[in-house]
């Protein structure tokens, strides 16, 4: 049984077209990518037996994911205050703001809001909360002295 599948996707200014054809136990993948400003940026064909598609898909996924990590054109968002030292006043304000949230508020929502207001990443806010004695999993809640000690924070409050 023969079939053809075509898929088109656009990323930024580049349009990619993937055509997959299966016929008599053979699978053919044709990829073409072009941009008005850059011309042809991708062009190639892969042929393999239909029985090898699952393993090939896993292999291609791993390879493309790894290659994407080294993409020098990819911009990672960094918060303006990334790596800036925390001051005592900032810690005090963060702790006070955390305590204004209700426990019913999703922690991710509260952390995201605090991160945006402070121009820091959600990960840095979450890490800082436990450092200043706040439970990063439950908005409004402080760590107990026992919990603070358990996670290596001997002083739960400042």
Protein backbone atom coordinates (compact mmCIF):
# COMPACT_ATOMS: atom_id res chain seq x y z
CA UNK A 1 0.00 0.00 0.00
CA UNK A 2 1.47 3.35 -1.02
CA UNK A 3 0.84 6.68 0.64
CA UNK A 4 2.20 10.21 0.68
CA UNK A 5 2.11 12.64 3.56
CA UNK A 6 3.02 16.29 3.17
CA UNK A 7 3.55 18.77 5.97
CA UNK A 8 4.56 22.43 5.80
CA UNK A 9 5.75 24.54 8.71
CA UNK A 10 7.14 28.05 8.97
CA UNK A 11 9.71 29.17 11.50
CA UNK A 12 10.59 32.86 11.46
CA UNK A 13 11.16 33.58 7.75
CA UNK A 14 11.84 30.00 6.66
CA UNK A 15 9.22 27.63 5.30
CA UNK A 16 9.95 23.91 5.59
CA UNK A 17 8.19 21.24 3.54
CA UNK A 18 8.45 17.58 4.48
CA UNK A 19 7.09 14.95 2.12
CA UNK A 20 6.96 11.35 3.30
CA UNK A 21 6.27 8.61 0.79
CA UNK A 22 5.90 4.93 1.56
CA UNK A 23 5.85 2.39 -1.24
CA UNK A 24 6.70 -1.32 -1.33
CA UNK A 25 8.38 -1.41 2.09
CA UNK A 26 10.51 1.66 1.37
CA UNK A 27 10.07 5.01 3.14
CA UNK A 28 11.34 8.24 1.59
CA UNK A 29 11.54 11.53 3.48
CA UNK A 30 12.18 14.65 1.41
CA UNK A 31 12.87 17.87 3.30
CA UNK A 32 13.14 21.28 1.71
CA UNK A 33 13.46 24.60 3.51
CA UNK A 34 13.69 28.03 1.97
CA UNK A 35 13.53 31.65 2.95
CA UNK A 36 12.94 34.76 0.86
CA UNK A 37 16.03 36.36 2.38
CA UNK A 38 18.35 33.34 2.61
CA UNK A 39 17.23 31.12 -0.27
CA UNK A 40 17.48 27.35 0.23
CA UNK A 41 18.49 26.54 3.83
CA UNK A 42 17.58 22.83 3.96
CA UNK A 43 17.42 20.18 1.29
CA UNK A 44 17.78 16.44 1.60
CA UNK A 45 16.35 12.97 1.25
CA UNK A 46 16.42 9.99 3.57
CA UNK A 47 15.48 6.51 2.34
CA UNK A 48 15.03 3.57 4.66
CA UNK A 49 12.99 0.42 5.05
CA UNK A 50 9.60 0.97 6.66
CA UNK A 51 10.62 -1.47 9.41
CA UNK A 52 13.36 0.93 10.55
CA UNK A 53 11.20 4.02 11.01
CA UNK A 54 10.71 3.87 14.79
CA UNK A 55 14.41 3.59 15.59
CA UNK A 56 15.30 6.19 12.95
CA UNK A 57 12.74 8.59 14.44
CA UNK A 58 14.30 8.19 17.89
CA UNK A 59 17.79 8.70 16.46
CA UNK A 60 16.78 11.83 14.51
CA UNK A 61 14.98 13.27 17.53
CA UNK A 62 18.09 12.84 19.72
CA UNK A 63 20.38 14.27 17.07
CA UNK A 64 18.22 17.28 16.26
CA UNK A 65 17.58 18.04 19.94
CA UNK A 66 21.32 17.94 20.67
CA UNK A 67 22.11 20.08 17.63
CA UNK A 68 19.47 22.61 18.64
CA UNK A 69 21.23 23.13 21.95
CA UNK A 70 24.24 24.47 20.06
CA UNK A 71 22.26 26.81 17.80
CA UNK A 72 24.13 30.10 18.10
CA UNK A 73 21.22 32.06 16.60
CA UNK A 74 18.79 30.90 19.29
CA UNK A 75 18.31 33.58 21.89
CA UNK A 76 17.75 32.44 25.42
CA UNK A 77 15.73 34.79 27.48
CA UNK A 78 17.62 36.05 30.46
CA UNK A 79 16.09 38.19 33.11
CA UNK A 80 17.65 41.66 33.43
CA UNK A 81 18.59 41.00 37.07
CA UNK A 82 19.96 37.54 36.35
CA UNK A 83 23.03 36.85 38.50
CA UNK A 84 22.63 40.13 40.40
CA UNK A 85 23.25 39.69 44.14
CA UNK A 86 20.26 39.79 46.43
CA UNK A 87 20.15 42.53 49.07
CA UNK A 88 18.65 42.26 52.54
CA UNK A 89 15.88 44.67 51.49
CA UNK A 90 15.04 42.55 48.44
CA UNK A 91 14.89 39.42 50.59
CA UNK A 92 12.62 41.15 53.10
CA UNK A 93 10.32 42.42 50.34
CA UNK A 94 10.19 38.99 48.64
CA UNK A 95 9.30 37.29 51.92
CA UNK A 96 6.58 39.86 52.65
CA UNK A 97 5.16 39.58 49.14
CA UNK A 98 5.15 35.76 49.34
CA UNK A 99 3.15 35.94 52.55
CA UNK A 100 0.44 38.05 50.87
CA UNK A 101 -0.53 35.15 48.61
CA UNK A 102 -3.30 32.74 49.61
CA UNK A 103 -2.39 29.06 49.90
CA UNK A 104 -4.96 28.34 47.19
CA UNK A 105 -2.94 30.33 44.64
CA UNK A 106 -0.92 27.99 42.41
CA UNK A 107 2.74 28.30 43.40
CA UNK A 108 3.80 28.58 39.76
CA UNK A 109 1.50 31.58 39.29
CA UNK A 110 2.79 33.36 42.39
CA UNK A 111 6.42 32.64 41.51
CA UNK A 112 5.94 33.85 37.94
CA UNK A 113 4.36 37.09 39.16
CA UNK A 114 7.16 37.68 41.68
CA UNK A 115 9.78 36.92 39.02
CA UNK A 116 8.24 39.38 36.56
CA UNK A 117 8.03 42.12 39.18
CA UNK A 118 11.67 41.63 40.16
CA UNK A 119 13.00 40.99 36.65
CA UNK A 120 14.39 37.64 37.73
CA UNK A 121 13.77 34.12 36.49
CA UNK A 122 11.11 31.92 38.11
CA UNK A 123 13.88 29.47 39.03
CA UNK A 124 15.81 32.12 40.92
CA UNK A 125 12.69 33.21 42.82
CA UNK A 126 11.88 29.62 43.76
CA UNK A 127 15.43 29.02 44.99
CA UNK A 128 15.49 32.30 46.91
CA UNK A 129 12.18 31.58 48.64
CA UNK A 130 13.59 28.54 50.43
CA UNK A 131 16.74 30.52 51.34
CA UNK A 132 14.65 33.15 53.12
CA UNK A 133 12.47 30.64 54.93
CA UNK A 134 9.46 30.47 52.62
CA UNK A 135 7.87 27.25 51.38
CA UNK A 136 8.19 27.56 47.57
CA UNK A 137 5.46 24.95 47.06
CA UNK A 138 2.75 26.71 49.07
CA UNK A 139 2.21 30.44 48.60
CA UNK A 140 1.99 32.35 51.86
CA UNK A 141 3.53 29.57 53.94
CA UNK A 142 6.82 29.81 55.80
CA UNK A 143 9.10 26.86 56.40
CA UNK A 144 9.03 25.36 59.86
CA UNK A 145 12.39 25.31 61.66
CA UNK A 146 12.48 21.51 61.19
CA UNK A 147 11.84 21.74 57.44
CA UNK A 148 14.37 24.54 57.06
CA UNK A 149 16.99 22.42 58.79
CA UNK A 150 16.07 19.40 56.69
CA UNK A 151 16.73 21.26 53.43
CA UNK A 152 19.89 22.88 54.76
CA UNK A 153 18.51 26.23 55.84
CA UNK A 154 19.31 26.46 59.52
CA UNK A 155 17.62 29.85 59.84
CA UNK A 156 14.12 29.76 58.34
CA UNK A 157 13.45 33.45 58.91
CA UNK A 158 15.44 36.62 58.62
